[in-house]
Amino acid sequence: MRKVSFAVSALIVLALAVAAFASDGETKKNVTNKKCPVMNAAASDKFRAEYKDQYIYFCCQGCVKMFEKDPDGYVAKLSKEDQEAIKSNEICPITEDKITDHTRWVEHEGRKVFLCCDGCIEMFKQKIAAGKKAN
């Protein structure tokens, strides 16, 4: 069961990474959700709030303030794809262990990636650094 959950988490991370690049090679903004939950406009990496341990992005600061009044109501209006994108990972991408403590995380490509221990945080950062050097 744990391997299936990891596979699903890995596919989500891969899909987010692929979605970060436009077909013409232009880099897109690093955001979890593509649409603002308030205005249904394109979400911007400049405006964000936290929702259930993950970042959610908006088109403007006014929408952030509106969202804070009824976060669950606005999240319900997001597409299923965006609702999935704002969920936090529950499996450590390094060890495949269940995340029991949401205090250890690294921000990567506009989202919080939760890890199970300090050692995994360092390993994850090394993998990110190695990936950037290869490009």
Protein backbone atom coordinates (compact mmCIF):
# COMPACT_ATOMS: atom_id res chain seq x y z
CA MET A 1 0.00 0.00 0.00
CA ARG A 2 2.84 2.38 0.87
CA LYS A 3 4.47 1.82 -2.54
CA VAL A 4 1.19 2.59 -4.31
CA SER A 5 0.83 5.83 -2.31
CA PHE A 6 4.42 6.75 -3.13
CA ALA A 7 3.82 6.01 -6.80
CA VAL A 8 0.78 8.30 -6.81
CA SER A 9 2.76 11.02 -5.00
CA ALA A 10 5.64 10.60 -7.44
CA LEU A 11 3.26 10.90 -10.40
CA ILE A 12 1.78 14.10 -8.96
CA VAL A 13 5.24 15.60 -8.46
CA LEU A 14 6.22 14.53 -11.99
CA ALA A 15 3.04 16.02 -13.44
CA LEU A 16 3.71 19.29 -11.64
CA ALA A 17 7.27 19.34 -12.95
CA VAL A 18 6.12 18.68 -16.51
CA ALA A 19 3.42 21.33 -16.20
CA ALA A 20 6.09 23.84 -15.17
CA PHE A 21 7.30 24.04 -18.76
CA ALA A 22 5.26 25.27 -21.73
CA SER A 23 5.43 23.30 -24.95
CA ASP A 24 7.54 26.07 -26.51
CA GLY A 25 10.13 25.69 -23.74
CA GLU A 26 9.10 28.85 -21.88
CA THR A 27 9.13 28.41 -18.10
CA LYS A 28 5.74 28.82 -16.43
CA LYS A 29 5.15 30.22 -12.96
CA ASN A 30 5.65 27.85 -10.04
CA VAL A 31 2.20 27.60 -8.51
CA THR A 32 0.16 24.72 -7.12
CA ASN A 33 -3.24 25.70 -8.50
CA LYS A 34 -3.54 27.17 -12.00
CA LYS A 35 -6.68 29.21 -11.40
CA CYS A 36 -7.45 31.73 -8.67
CA PRO A 37 -10.16 30.19 -6.47
CA VAL A 38 -11.91 33.56 -6.10
CA MET A 39 -11.92 35.04 -9.63
CA ASN A 40 -11.16 31.90 -11.70
CA ALA A 41 -8.40 33.91 -13.43
CA ALA A 42 -4.82 32.71 -13.92
CA ALA A 43 -3.07 32.28 -10.57
CA SER A 44 0.11 34.28 -10.00
CA ASP A 45 3.18 33.26 -8.04
CA LYS A 46 3.13 36.76 -6.49
CA PHE A 47 0.00 36.21 -4.38
CA ARG A 48 -0.39 33.23 -2.08
CA ALA A 49 -1.74 32.06 1.25
CA GLU A 50 -1.46 28.84 3.21
CA TYR A 51 -4.33 26.39 3.25
CA LYS A 52 -4.12 23.08 5.12
CA ASP A 53 -0.29 23.07 5.17
CA GLN A 54 0.11 23.94 1.47
CA TYR A 55 0.31 27.09 -0.62
CA ILE A 56 -2.61 28.25 -2.70
CA TYR A 57 -2.16 30.98 -5.29
CA PHE A 58 -4.33 33.90 -6.41
CA CYS A 59 -4.55 36.50 -9.16
CA CYS A 60 -4.28 39.48 -6.78
CA GLN A 61 -3.99 40.49 -3.12
CA GLY A 62 -7.71 41.34 -2.98
CA CYS A 63 -8.54 37.71 -3.73
CA VAL A 64 -6.27 36.56 -0.90
CA LYS A 65 -8.34 38.69 1.51
CA MET A 66 -11.62 37.38 0.09
CA PHE A 67 -10.34 33.79 0.36
CA GLU A 68 -9.50 34.26 4.05
CA LYS A 69 -13.20 34.90 4.76
CA ASP A 70 -14.35 31.50 3.40
CA PRO A 71 -11.38 29.30 2.42
CA ASP A 72 -13.29 26.00 2.25
CA GLY A 73 -16.01 27.57 0.11
CA TYR A 74 -13.50 28.91 -2.41
CA VAL A 75 -11.47 25.68 -2.52
CA ALA A 76 -14.70 23.81 -3.33
CA LYS A 77 -14.99 25.96 -6.48
CA LEU A 78 -11.57 24.88 -7.79
CA SER A 79 -11.29 22.24 -10.49
CA LYS A 80 -10.56 18.71 -9.28
CA GLU A 81 -7.06 19.08 -10.76
CA ASP A 82 -6.38 22.24 -8.74
CA GLN A 83 -7.89 20.70 -5.60
CA GLU A 84 -5.42 17.81 -5.96
CA ALA A 85 -2.55 20.22 -6.62
CA ILE A 86 -3.05 22.03 -3.31
CA LYS A 87 -2.97 18.86 -1.22
CA SER A 88 0.14 18.23 0.83
CA ASN A 89 2.22 15.12 0.22
CA GLU A 90 1.62 12.48 2.88
CA ILE A 91 4.58 10.25 1.93
CA CYS A 92 8.23 11.24 2.25
CA PRO A 93 9.71 11.39 -1.28
CA ILE A 94 13.05 10.07 0.05
CA THR A 95 12.15 7.17 2.38
CA GLU A 96 8.53 6.49 1.36
CA ASP A 97 7.54 6.72 5.05
CA LYS A 98 4.26 8.34 6.07
CA ILE A 99 4.59 11.99 7.08
CA THR A 100 3.50 12.25 10.71
CA ASP A 101 4.82 15.73 11.46
CA HIS A 102 4.21 18.64 9.08
CA THR A 103 7.01 20.77 10.57
CA ARG A 104 9.76 19.51 8.23
CA TRP A 105 9.45 20.80 4.71
CA VAL A 106 11.31 22.40 1.84
CA GLU A 107 9.77 24.85 -0.59
CA HIS A 108 10.28 23.56 -4.11
CA GLU A 109 8.71 24.90 -7.30
CA GLY A 110 6.07 26.90 -5.44
CA ARG A 111 4.91 24.21 -3.05
CA LYS A 112 5.80 22.75 0.32
CA VAL A 113 7.36 19.30 0.07
CA PHE A 114 7.09 17.57 3.44
CA LEU A 115 9.80 15.16 4.58
CA CYS A 116 9.95 12.73 7.48
CA CYS A 117 13.24 13.81 9.09
CA ASP A 118 16.09 16.31 8.96
CA GLY A 119 18.28 13.83 7.06
CA CYS A 120 15.67 13.62 4.29
CA ILE A 121 15.52 17.40 4.11
CA GLU A 122 19.25 17.49 3.36
CA MET A 123 18.99 14.64 0.84
CA PHE A 124 16.09 16.37 -0.91
CA LYS A 125 18.03 19.65 -1.10
CA GLN A 126 21.01 17.78 -2.56
CA LYS A 127 18.79 16.18 -5.20
CA ILE A 128 17.37 19.60 -6.12
CA ALA A 129 20.87 21.08 -6.37
CA ALA A 130 22.10 18.14 -8.48
CA GLY A 131 19.12 18.53 -10.81
CA LYS A 132 19.77 22.24 -11.30
CA LYS A 133 23.44 21.63 -12.09
CA ALA A 134 22.54 19.06 -14.74
CA ASN A 135 20.37 21.56 -16.65
